[in-house]
C-alpha atoms as a PDB file:
ATOM      1  CA  MET A   1       4.137 -17.407   7.284  1.00  0.00           C
ATOM      2  CA  ALA A   2       1.490 -19.138   5.240  1.00  0.00           C
ATOM      3  CA  SER A   3       2.323 -21.205   2.172  1.00  0.00           C
ATOM      4  CA  ARG A   4       1.050 -20.187  -1.253  1.00  0.00           C
ATOM      5  CA  THR A   5       0.278 -22.992  -3.666  1.00  0.00           C
ATOM      6  CA  SER A   6      -0.021 -20.661  -6.649  1.00  0.00           C
ATOM      7  CA  PRO A   7       2.247 -17.624  -6.262  1.00  0.00           C
ATOM      8  CA  THR A   8       1.636 -14.515  -8.318  1.00  0.00           C
ATOM      9  CA  GLU A   9       4.207 -13.335 -10.833  1.00  0.00           C
ATOM     10  CA  ARG A  10       5.261 -10.605  -8.413  1.00  0.00           C
ATOM     11  CA  GLN A  11       5.830 -13.161  -5.649  1.00  0.00           C
ATOM     12  CA  LYS A  12       7.808 -15.400  -7.996  1.00  0.00           C
ATOM     13  CA  ARG A  13       9.879 -12.412  -9.075  1.00  0.00           C
ATOM     14  CA  LEU A  14      10.913 -11.629  -5.501  1.00  0.00           C
ATOM     15  CA  GLY A  15      11.955 -15.238  -4.968  1.00  0.00           C
ATOM     16  CA  ARG A  16      14.008 -15.275  -8.151  1.00  0.00           C
ATOM     17  CA  GLU A  17      15.743 -12.039  -7.205  1.00  0.00           C
ATOM     18  CA  LEU A  18      16.718 -13.545  -3.848  1.00  0.00           C
ATOM     19  CA  ARG A  19      18.098 -16.646  -5.551  1.00  0.00           C
ATOM     20  CA  LYS A  20      20.001 -14.510  -8.073  1.00  0.00           C
ATOM     21  CA  MET A  21      21.516 -12.483  -5.216  1.00  0.00           C
ATOM     22  CA  ARG A  22      22.540 -15.652  -3.380  1.00  0.00           C
ATOM     23  CA  LEU A  23      24.102 -17.300  -6.442  1.00  0.00           C
ATOM     24  CA  ALA A  24      25.937 -14.123  -7.462  1.00  0.00           C
ATOM     25  CA  ALA A  25      27.555 -14.084  -4.006  1.00  0.00           C
ATOM     26  CA  ASP A  26      28.328 -17.816  -4.211  1.00  0.00           C
ATOM     27  CA  VAL A  27      26.373 -18.476  -1.016  1.00  0.00           C
ATOM     28  CA  SER A  28      25.123 -22.052  -0.863  1.00  0.00           C
ATOM     29  CA  ALA A  29      21.507 -22.907  -0.130  1.00  0.00           C
ATOM     30  CA  GLN A  30      22.637 -24.694   3.012  1.00  0.00           C
ATOM     31  CA  ILE A  31      24.457 -21.649   4.375  1.00  0.00           C
ATOM     32  CA  ALA A  32      21.653 -19.263   3.396  1.00  0.00           C
ATOM     33  CA  ALA A  33      19.059 -21.460   5.099  1.00  0.00           C
ATOM     34  CA  ARG A  34      21.141 -21.591   8.266  1.00  0.00           C
ATOM     35  CA  LEU A  35      21.558 -17.800   8.293  1.00  0.00           C
ATOM     36  CA  LEU A  36      17.815 -17.308   7.908  1.00  0.00           C
ATOM     37  CA  GLY A  37      16.956 -19.914  10.525  1.00  0.00           C
ATOM     38  CA  VAL A  38      14.976 -22.089   8.126  1.00  0.00           C
ATOM     39  CA  ASP A  39      15.491 -25.484   6.528  1.00  0.00           C
ATOM     40  CA  ARG A  40      16.544 -25.890   2.883  1.00  0.00           C
ATOM     41  CA  SER A  41      13.046 -26.935   1.861  1.00  0.00           C
ATOM     42  CA  ARG A  42      11.605 -23.671   3.142  1.00  0.00           C
ATOM     43  CA  LEU A  43      14.394 -21.672   1.476  1.00  0.00           C
ATOM     44  CA  SER A  44      13.562 -23.403  -1.796  1.00  0.00           C
ATOM     45  CA  ASN A  45       9.907 -22.441  -1.359  1.00  0.00           C
ATOM     46  CA  ILE A  46      10.910 -18.832  -0.648  1.00  0.00           C
ATOM     47  CA  GLU A  47      12.994 -18.713  -3.814  1.00  0.00           C
ATOM     48  CA  GLN A  48      10.054 -20.084  -5.796  1.00  0.00           C
ATOM     49  CA  GLY A  49       7.679 -17.496  -4.342  1.00  0.00           C
ATOM     50  CA  ILE A  50       5.615 -20.181  -2.638  1.00  0.00           C
ATOM     51  CA  ARG A  51       6.470 -18.938   0.836  1.00  0.00           C
ATOM     52  CA  ALA A  52       6.866 -15.334   1.968  1.00  0.00           C
ATOM     53  CA  ILE A  53      10.018 -13.878   3.474  1.00  0.00           C
ATOM     54  CA  SER A  54      10.082 -11.207   6.161  1.00  0.00           C
ATOM     55  CA  GLU A  55      11.859  -7.909   5.640  1.00  0.00           C
ATOM     56  CA  ASP A  56      14.319  -8.729   8.431  1.00  0.00           C
ATOM     57  CA  ARG A  57      15.273 -12.035   6.830  1.00  0.00           C
ATOM     58  CA  LEU A  58      15.640 -10.376   3.438  1.00  0.00           C
ATOM     59  CA  ARG A  59      18.043  -7.818   4.906  1.00  0.00           C
ATOM     60  CA  THR A  60      19.961 -10.603   6.652  1.00  0.00           C
ATOM     61  CA  LEU A  61      20.358 -12.403   3.334  1.00  0.00           C
ATOM     62  CA  ALA A  62      21.412  -9.206   1.528  1.00  0.00           C
ATOM     63  CA  HIS A  63      24.057  -8.565   4.209  1.00  0.00           C
ATOM     64  CA  ALA A  64      25.339 -12.146   3.948  1.00  0.00           C
ATOM     65  CA  CYS A  65      25.563 -11.757   0.174  1.00  0.00           C
ATOM     66  CA  ALA A  66      27.482  -8.468   0.581  1.00  0.00           C
ATOM     67  CA  CYS A  67      24.947  -6.653  -1.567  1.00  0.00           C
ATOM     68  CA  GLN A  68      25.892  -2.945  -1.553  1.00  0.00           C
ATOM     69  CA  ASP A  69      23.052  -1.648  -3.730  1.00  0.00           C
ATOM     70  CA  GLN A  70      20.865   0.002  -1.113  1.00  0.00           C
ATOM     71  CA  ALA A  71      18.206   1.144  -3.586  1.00  0.00           C
ATOM     72  CA  TYR A  72      17.838  -2.438  -4.807  1.00  0.00           C
ATOM     73  CA  ILE A  73      17.647  -3.791  -1.250  1.00  0.00           C
ATOM     74  CA  GLU A  74      14.983  -1.234  -0.311  1.00  0.00           C
ATOM     75  CA  ALA A  75      12.965  -2.118  -3.404  1.00  0.00           C
ATOM     76  CA  LEU A  76      13.109  -5.817  -2.506  1.00  0.00           C
ATOM     77  CA  ALA A  77      12.188  -5.012   1.092  1.00  0.00           C
ATOM     78  CA  GLY A  78       9.114  -3.236  -0.225  1.00  0.00           C
ATOM     79  CA  MET A  79       8.107  -6.401  -2.041  1.00  0.00           C
ATOM     80  CA  THR A  80       8.097  -8.368   1.227  1.00  0.00           C
ATOM     81  CA  LYS A  81       5.197  -6.319   2.564  1.00  0.00           C
ATOM     82  CA  PRO A  82       1.869  -8.182   2.615  1.00  0.00           C
ATOM     83  CA  ALA A  83       0.324  -7.673  -0.796  1.00  0.00           C
ATOM     84  CA  ARG A  84      -2.574  -5.266  -0.764  1.00  0.00           C
ATOM     85  CA  ARG A  85      -5.682  -6.835  -2.183  1.00  0.00           C
ATOM     86  CA  GLY A  86      -6.115  -5.458  -5.668  1.00  0.00           C
ATOM     87  CA  TRP A  87      -9.290  -5.221  -7.708  1.00  0.00           C
ATOM     88  CA  TRP A  88      -7.930  -8.044  -9.899  1.00  0.00           C
ATOM     89  CA  ASP A  89      -8.188 -10.489  -6.997  1.00  0.00           C
ATOM     90  CA  ARG A  90     -11.956 -10.569  -7.508  1.00  0.00           C
ATOM     91  CA  TYR A  91     -11.274 -12.485 -10.731  1.00  0.00           C
ATOM     92  CA  ARG A  92      -9.094 -15.133  -9.115  1.00  0.00           C
ATOM     93  CA  GLU A  93     -10.353 -18.639  -9.902  1.00  0.00           C
ATOM     94  CA  SER A  94     -12.445 -17.098 -12.703  1.00  0.00           C
ATOM     95  CA  LEU A  95      -9.782 -15.913 -15.162  1.00  0.00           C
ATOM     96  CA  PRO A  96      -6.286 -17.193 -16.022  1.00  0.00           C
ATOM     97  CA  ASP A  97      -3.627 -16.126 -13.524  1.00  0.00           C
ATOM     98  CA  GLY A  98      -1.637 -14.461 -16.306  1.00  0.00           C
ATOM     99  CA  LEU A  99      -4.325 -11.832 -16.831  1.00  0.00           C
ATOM    100  CA  LEU A 100      -4.313 -10.985 -13.132  1.00  0.00           C
ATOM    101  CA  ASP A 101      -0.518 -10.795 -13.151  1.00  0.00           C
ATOM    102  CA  ILE A 102      -0.651  -8.226 -15.967  1.00  0.00           C
ATOM    103  CA  ALA A 103      -3.002  -6.051 -13.909  1.00  0.00           C
ATOM    104  CA  GLU A 104      -0.770  -6.326 -10.833  1.00  0.00           C
ATOM    105  CA  LEU A 105       2.312  -5.517 -12.931  1.00  0.00           C
ATOM    106  CA  GLU A 106       0.654  -2.371 -14.275  1.00  0.00           C
ATOM    107  CA  ALA A 107      -0.554  -1.350 -10.809  1.00  0.00           C
ATOM    108  CA  ASN A 108       3.009  -1.438  -9.457  1.00  0.00           C
ATOM    109  CA  ALA A 109       4.778   0.112 -12.453  1.00  0.00           C
ATOM    110  CA  LEU A 110       6.295   3.562 -12.100  1.00  0.00           C
ATOM    111  CA  ARG A 111       6.375   4.007 -15.883  1.00  0.00           C
ATOM    112  CA  MET A 112       5.093   1.930 -18.790  1.00  0.00           C
ATOM    113  CA  ARG A 113       6.269   1.691 -22.370  1.00  0.00           C
ATOM    114  CA  THR A 114       4.282  -0.416 -24.815  1.00  0.00           C
ATOM    115  CA  ALA A 115       4.529  -1.296 -28.501  1.00  0.00           C
ATOM    116  CA  HIS A 116       1.723  -2.750 -30.619  1.00  0.00           C
ATOM    117  CA  SER A 117       1.749  -3.592 -34.310  1.00  0.00           C
ATOM    118  CA  VAL A 118      -1.651  -5.197 -34.884  1.00  0.00           C
ATOM    119  CA  HIS A 119      -3.709  -4.551 -31.762  1.00  0.00           C
ATOM    120  CA  ILE A 120      -4.644  -1.429 -29.858  1.00  0.00           C
ATOM    121  CA  PRO A 121      -3.066  -1.602 -26.367  1.00  0.00           C
ATOM    122  CA  GLY A 122      -5.466  -3.471 -24.080  1.00  0.00           C
ATOM    123  CA  ILE A 123      -5.240  -0.752 -21.458  1.00  0.00           C
ATOM    124  CA  LEU A 124      -6.581   1.748 -24.028  1.00  0.00           C
ATOM    125  CA  GLN A 125      -9.296  -0.343 -25.686  1.00  0.00           C
ATOM    126  CA  THR A 126     -12.936   0.690 -25.678  1.00  0.00           C
ATOM    127  CA  SER A 127     -15.441  -1.888 -24.443  1.00  0.00           C
ATOM    128  CA  ASP A 128     -16.771  -2.507 -27.955  1.00  0.00           C
ATOM    129  CA  HIS A 129     -13.300  -2.959 -29.385  1.00  0.00           C
ATOM    130  CA  ALA A 130     -12.283  -5.344 -26.600  1.00  0.00           C
ATOM    131  CA  LEU A 131     -15.499  -7.311 -27.054  1.00  0.00           C
ATOM    132  CA  ALA A 132     -14.761  -7.716 -30.772  1.00  0.00           C
ATOM    133  CA  VAL A 133     -11.277  -9.007 -29.910  1.00  0.00           C
ATOM    134  CA  PHE A 134     -12.616 -11.558 -27.432  1.00  0.00           C
ATOM    135  CA  ARG A 135     -15.150 -12.759 -29.992  1.00  0.00           C
ATOM    136  CA  VAL A 136     -12.383 -14.064 -32.274  1.00  0.00           C
ATOM    137  CA  VAL A 137     -10.452 -16.099 -29.694  1.00  0.00           C
ATOM    138  CA  VAL A 138      -9.733 -19.715 -30.736  1.00  0.00           C
ATOM    139  CA  PRO A 139     -11.189 -21.869 -29.318  1.00  0.00           C
ATOM    140  CA  ALA A 140     -14.227 -19.686 -28.777  1.00  0.00           C
ATOM    141  CA  LEU A 141     -14.741 -18.420 -25.230  1.00  0.00           C
ATOM    142  CA  PRO A 142     -18.012 -19.165 -23.428  1.00  0.00           C
ATOM    143  CA  GLU A 143     -20.229 -16.127 -22.916  1.00  0.00           C
ATOM    144  CA  HIS A 144     -19.609 -15.879 -19.173  1.00  0.00           C
ATOM    145  CA  GLU A 145     -15.825 -15.757 -19.721  1.00  0.00           C
ATOM    146  CA  VAL A 146     -16.182 -13.131 -22.445  1.00  0.00           C
ATOM    147  CA  ALA A 147     -18.099 -11.005 -19.944  1.00  0.00           C
ATOM    148  CA  LEU A 148     -15.454 -11.549 -17.249  1.00  0.00           C
ATOM    149  CA  ARG A 149     -12.569 -10.698 -19.579  1.00  0.00           C
ATOM    150  CA  LEU A 150     -14.344  -7.585 -20.755  1.00  0.00           C
ATOM    151  CA  ALA A 151     -14.970  -6.391 -17.198  1.00  0.00           C
ATOM    152  CA  HIS A 152     -11.354  -7.142 -16.267  1.00  0.00           C
ATOM    153  CA  ARG A 153     -10.004  -5.238 -19.288  1.00  0.00           C
ATOM    154  CA  VAL A 154     -12.139  -2.198 -18.547  1.00  0.00           C
ATOM    155  CA  GLU A 155     -11.003  -2.151 -14.901  1.00  0.00           C
ATOM    156  CA  ARG A 156      -7.359  -2.299 -15.990  1.00  0.00           C
ATOM    157  CA  GLN A 157      -7.763   1.197 -17.382  1.00  0.00           C
ATOM    158  CA  GLN A 158      -8.206   2.722 -13.931  1.00  0.00           C
ATOM    159  CA  VAL A 159      -4.422   2.554 -13.453  1.00  0.00           C
ATOM    160  CA  LEU A 160      -4.138   5.456 -15.921  1.00  0.00           C
ATOM    161  CA  GLU A 161      -6.744   7.516 -14.086  1.00  0.00           C
ATOM    162  CA  GLY A 162      -6.127   9.801 -11.138  1.00  0.00           C
ATOM    163  CA  GLY A 163      -3.214  11.880  -9.893  1.00  0.00           C
ATOM    164  CA  ALA A 164      -0.928   8.958  -9.026  1.00  0.00           C
ATOM    165  CA  SER A 165      -1.057   7.415 -12.497  1.00  0.00           C
ATOM    166  CA  PRO A 166       2.262   6.231 -13.957  1.00  0.00           C
ATOM    167  CA  GLU A 167       3.698   7.808 -17.078  1.00  0.00           C
ATOM    168  CA  TYR A 168       2.577   5.833 -20.122  1.00  0.00           C
ATOM    169  CA  VAL A 169       4.266   5.884 -23.539  1.00  0.00           C
ATOM    170  CA  GLY A 170       2.548   3.784 -26.201  1.00  0.00           C
ATOM    171  CA  VAL A 171       3.879   3.152 -29.704  1.00  0.00           C
ATOM    172  CA  ILE A 172       1.193   1.967 -32.114  1.00  0.00           C
ATOM    173  CA  HIS A 173       1.794   0.947 -35.706  1.00  0.00           C
ATOM    174  CA  GLU A 174      -0.475   2.259 -38.448  1.00  0.00           C
ATOM    175  CA  ALA A 175      -1.592  -1.326 -39.122  1.00  0.00           C
ATOM    176  CA  ALA A 176      -3.193  -1.518 -35.674  1.00  0.00           C
ATOM    177  CA  LEU A 177      -4.990   1.776 -36.260  1.00  0.00           C
ATOM    178  CA  ARG A 178      -6.492   0.509 -39.508  1.00  0.00           C
ATOM    179  CA  MET A 179      -7.719  -2.832 -38.153  1.00  0.00           C
ATOM    180  CA  GLN A 180     -11.516  -2.640 -37.985  1.00  0.00           C
ATOM    181  CA  PHE A 181     -12.352  -4.876 -35.047  1.00  0.00           C
ATOM    182  CA  GLY A 182     -16.112  -4.687 -34.656  1.00  0.00           C
ATOM    183  CA  GLY A 183     -16.608  -2.776 -37.920  1.00  0.00           C
ATOM    184  CA  ARG A 184     -16.221   0.859 -38.988  1.00  0.00           C
ATOM    185  CA  LYS A 185     -18.325   2.418 -36.230  1.00  0.00           C
ATOM    186  CA  VAL A 186     -16.476   0.605 -33.457  1.00  0.00           C
ATOM    187  CA  ALA A 187     -13.116   1.312 -35.090  1.00  0.00           C
ATOM    188  CA  ARG A 188     -13.893   5.035 -35.394  1.00  0.00           C
ATOM    189  CA  ALA A 189     -14.964   5.233 -31.747  1.00  0.00           C
ATOM    190  CA  GLN A 190     -11.752   3.463 -30.756  1.00  0.00           C
ATOM    191  CA  LEU A 191      -9.611   5.972 -32.650  1.00  0.00           C
ATOM    192  CA  ASP A 192     -11.551   8.868 -31.131  1.00  0.00           C
ATOM    193  CA  HIS A 193     -10.858   7.395 -27.699  1.00  0.00           C
ATOM    194  CA  LEU A 194      -7.122   7.228 -28.447  1.00  0.00           C
ATOM    195  CA  ILE A 195      -7.149  10.894 -29.439  1.00  0.00           C
ATOM    196  CA  THR A 196      -8.912  11.797 -26.193  1.00  0.00           C
ATOM    197  CA  VAL A 197      -6.607   9.859 -23.865  1.00  0.00           C
ATOM    198  CA  SER A 198      -3.508  11.100 -25.702  1.00  0.00           C
ATOM    199  CA  GLU A 199      -4.332  14.589 -24.461  1.00  0.00           C
ATOM    200  CA  SER A 200      -3.755  13.474 -20.866  1.00  0.00           C
ATOM    201  CA  ARG A 201      -0.623  14.878 -19.263  1.00  0.00           C
ATOM    202  CA  HIS A 202       0.848  11.477 -18.418  1.00  0.00           C
ATOM    203  CA  ILE A 203      -0.095   9.599 -21.611  1.00  0.00           C
ATOM    204  CA  THR A 204       1.972   9.846 -24.781  1.00  0.00           C
ATOM    205  CA  LEU A 205       0.991   8.033 -27.965  1.00  0.00           C
ATOM    206  CA  ARG A 206       3.377   7.723 -30.899  1.00  0.00           C
ATOM    207  CA  VAL A 207       2.394   6.312 -34.302  1.00  0.00           C
ATOM    208  CA  ILE A 208       4.679   4.405 -36.666  1.00  0.00           C
ATOM    209  CA  PRO A 209       3.358   4.953 -40.212  1.00  0.00           C
ATOM    210  CA  PHE A 210       3.757   2.281 -42.871  1.00  0.00           C
ATOM    211  CA  GLU A 211       6.323   4.445 -44.666  1.00  0.00           C
ATOM    212  CA  ALA A 212       8.680   4.296 -41.666  1.00  0.00           C
ATOM    213  CA  GLY A 213       9.755   0.853 -42.837  1.00  0.00           C
ATOM    214  CA  ALA A 214      11.265  -1.974 -40.811  1.00  0.00           C
ATOM    215  CA  PHE A 215      12.021  -2.069 -37.107  1.00  0.00           C
ATOM    216  CA  PRO A 216      13.090  -4.791 -34.632  1.00  0.00           C
ATOM    217  CA  GLY A 217      10.412  -6.952 -33.057  1.00  0.00           C
ATOM    218  CA  ALA A 218       7.862  -6.130 -35.756  1.00  0.00           C
ATOM    219  CA  GLY A 219       4.596  -7.935 -35.062  1.00  0.00           C
ATOM    220  CA  GLN A 220       5.330  -8.486 -31.367  1.00  0.00           C
ATOM    221  CA  THR A 221       3.353  -6.935 -28.534  1.00  0.00           C
ATOM    222  CA  VAL A 222       5.600  -5.522 -25.804  1.00  0.00           C
ATOM    223  CA  ASN A 223       4.711  -4.128 -22.385  1.00  0.00           C
ATOM    224  CA  TYR A 224       7.759  -2.769 -20.564  1.00  0.00           C
ATOM    225  CA  ALA A 225       7.002  -1.922 -16.927  1.00  0.00           C
ATOM    226  CA  GLU A 226       9.620   0.050 -15.024  1.00  0.00           C
ATOM    227  CA  GLY A 227      10.067  -0.813 -11.358  1.00  0.00           C
ATOM    228  CA  PRO A 228      11.539   1.219  -8.488  1.00  0.00           C
ATOM    229  CA  VAL A 229      15.042   0.254  -9.688  1.00  0.00           C
ATOM    230  CA  PRO A 230      16.135  -0.885 -13.177  1.00  0.00           C
ATOM    231  CA  GLN A 231      16.902  -4.403 -11.950  1.00  0.00           C
ATOM    232  CA  LEU A 232      13.189  -4.844 -11.181  1.00  0.00           C
ATOM    233  CA  ASP A 233      11.924  -3.805 -14.603  1.00  0.00           C
ATOM    234  CA  THR A 234       9.701  -6.395 -16.299  1.00  0.00           C
ATOM    235  CA  VAL A 235       8.844  -7.129 -19.903  1.00  0.00           C
ATOM    236  CA  GLN A 236       5.517  -8.787 -20.654  1.00  0.00           C
ATOM    237  CA  VAL A 237       4.967 -10.236 -24.122  1.00  0.00           C
ATOM    238  CA  ASP A 238       1.941 -12.041 -25.518  1.00  0.00           C
ATOM    239  CA  SER A 239       2.009 -15.595 -26.808  1.00  0.00           C
ATOM    240  CA  THR A 240      -0.590 -18.089 -28.010  1.00  0.00           C
ATOM    241  CA  HIS A 241      -0.579 -19.802 -24.604  1.00  0.00           C
ATOM    242  CA  GLY A 242      -0.814 -16.624 -22.523  1.00  0.00           C
ATOM    243  CA  PRO A 243       1.411 -13.791 -21.303  1.00  0.00           C
ATOM    244  CA  GLU A 244       5.105 -14.321 -20.667  1.00  0.00           C
ATOM    245  CA  PHE A 245       7.135 -12.275 -18.177  1.00  0.00           C
ATOM    246  CA  LEU A 246      10.829 -11.625 -18.789  1.00  0.00           C
ATOM    247  CA  TYR A 247      13.357 -10.177 -16.325  1.00  0.00           C
ATOM    248  CA  GLU A 248      16.870 -11.216 -17.322  1.00  0.00           C
ATOM    249  CA  GLU A 249      19.242  -8.289 -17.824  1.00  0.00           C
ATOM    250  CA  LYS A 250      19.946  -9.190 -21.465  1.00  0.00           C
ATOM    251  CA  GLN A 251      16.223  -9.531 -22.186  1.00  0.00           C
ATOM    252  CA  LEU A 252      15.462  -6.155 -20.599  1.00  0.00           C
ATOM    253  CA  ALA A 253      18.263  -4.498 -22.563  1.00  0.00           C
ATOM    254  CA  LYS A 254      17.020  -6.079 -25.796  1.00  0.00           C
ATOM    255  CA  TYR A 255      13.481  -4.791 -25.379  1.00  0.00           C
ATOM    256  CA  ARG A 256      14.642  -1.346 -24.276  1.00  0.00           C
ATOM    257  CA  SER A 257      16.606  -1.177 -27.534  1.00  0.00           C
ATOM    258  CA  HIS A 258      13.516  -2.296 -29.479  1.00  0.00           C
ATOM    259  CA  LEU A 259      11.374   0.386 -27.899  1.00  0.00           C
ATOM    260  CA  ASP A 260      14.041   3.073 -28.320  1.00  0.00           C
ATOM    261  CA  TRP A 261      14.288   2.244 -32.031  1.00  0.00           C
ATOM    262  CA  MET A 262      10.527   2.326 -32.476  1.00  0.00           C
ATOM    263  CA  GLU A 263      10.211   5.653 -30.670  1.00  0.00           C
ATOM    264  CA  ARG A 264      12.956   7.132 -32.863  1.00  0.00           C
ATOM    265  CA  ILE A 265      11.082   6.334 -36.083  1.00  0.00           C
ATOM    266  CA  ALA A 266       7.595   7.121 -34.732  1.00  0.00           C
ATOM    267  CA  LEU A 267       5.851  10.413 -35.354  1.00  0.00           C
ATOM    268  CA  PRO A 268       5.965  13.028 -32.573  1.00  0.00           C
ATOM    269  CA  PRO A 269       2.923  13.122 -30.241  1.00  0.00           C
ATOM    270  CA  GLN A 270       1.029  15.939 -31.974  1.00  0.00           C
ATOM    271  CA  LYS A 271       1.639  14.554 -35.467  1.00  0.00           C
ATOM    272  CA  SER A 272       0.603  11.128 -34.156  1.00  0.00           C
ATOM    273  CA  ARG A 273      -2.645  12.606 -32.846  1.00  0.00           C
ATOM    274  CA  ASP A 274      -3.292  14.260 -36.224  1.00  0.00           C
ATOM    275  CA  PHE A 275      -2.464  10.985 -37.980  1.00  0.00           C
ATOM    276  CA  ILE A 276      -5.009   9.072 -35.890  1.00  0.00           C
ATOM    277  CA  HIS A 277      -7.603  11.780 -36.475  1.00  0.00           C
ATOM    278  CA  ASP A 278      -7.067  11.565 -40.241  1.00  0.00           C
ATOM    279  CA  ILE A 279      -7.580   7.780 -40.261  1.00  0.00           C
ATOM    280  CA  ALA A 280     -10.759   8.152 -38.172  1.00  0.00           C
ATOM    281  CA  ARG A 281     -12.081  10.874 -40.468  1.00  0.00           C
ATOM    282  CA  HIS A 282     -11.803   8.597 -43.520  1.00  0.00           C
ATOM    283  CA  LEU A 283     -13.519   5.589 -41.940  1.00  0.00           C
END
């Protein structure tokens, strides 16, 4: 199978899961390579996501590691299938890989939970709002990259459209709702858009008002994408140098607790919708 010099986050994740399985079973790299009929260099590349692994070899490795979790094995087997070309691939070599990895993560998620304290979730931003956000990036982005990022952000929203859309639960702090990116007119249109999308069957928006007080992870943007099994859940957080993807069990548990806490103190969906409407009405 062909080598990949720059694996996607999904490809790297599969490789890391295989390495985790091997180490948990105390199977050496030498033995695993022999079982798979490859040399240790190729096994290393597989575990880094640089080289693909066939479904048959994955099942051989799972058997050798005495993995009994059939749902987990099936989910990993699904990840060995040749990646379908996604719309985000059109932006490869034009935008940072991290942005494409976010789109691929969302496209493969069965359910998404997000939390935002200052920004409106990117997947729910209007074009004008997103443009205002990109205009304040430091250092300033050249015009052609602003246009590319805007087009990419708008296309991300298609994952929430159609009958096969994943369930989406977004928690937004009042501070984010009151930020006037692009001015009052743009901000009002953005709030109106949130009200509209929140009426979709599969989209739930919850607002944390200022009076709710403190909560864990305040100020951090969190995107929790649920996979086919809990072990393949992924947390994506923003940082100044780009998106970070977290998968360790303790990290996943931590962010689930954060989101659970935030949802407990957030307003119910209908009251959240009324809250957003009231802010928009006073702009």
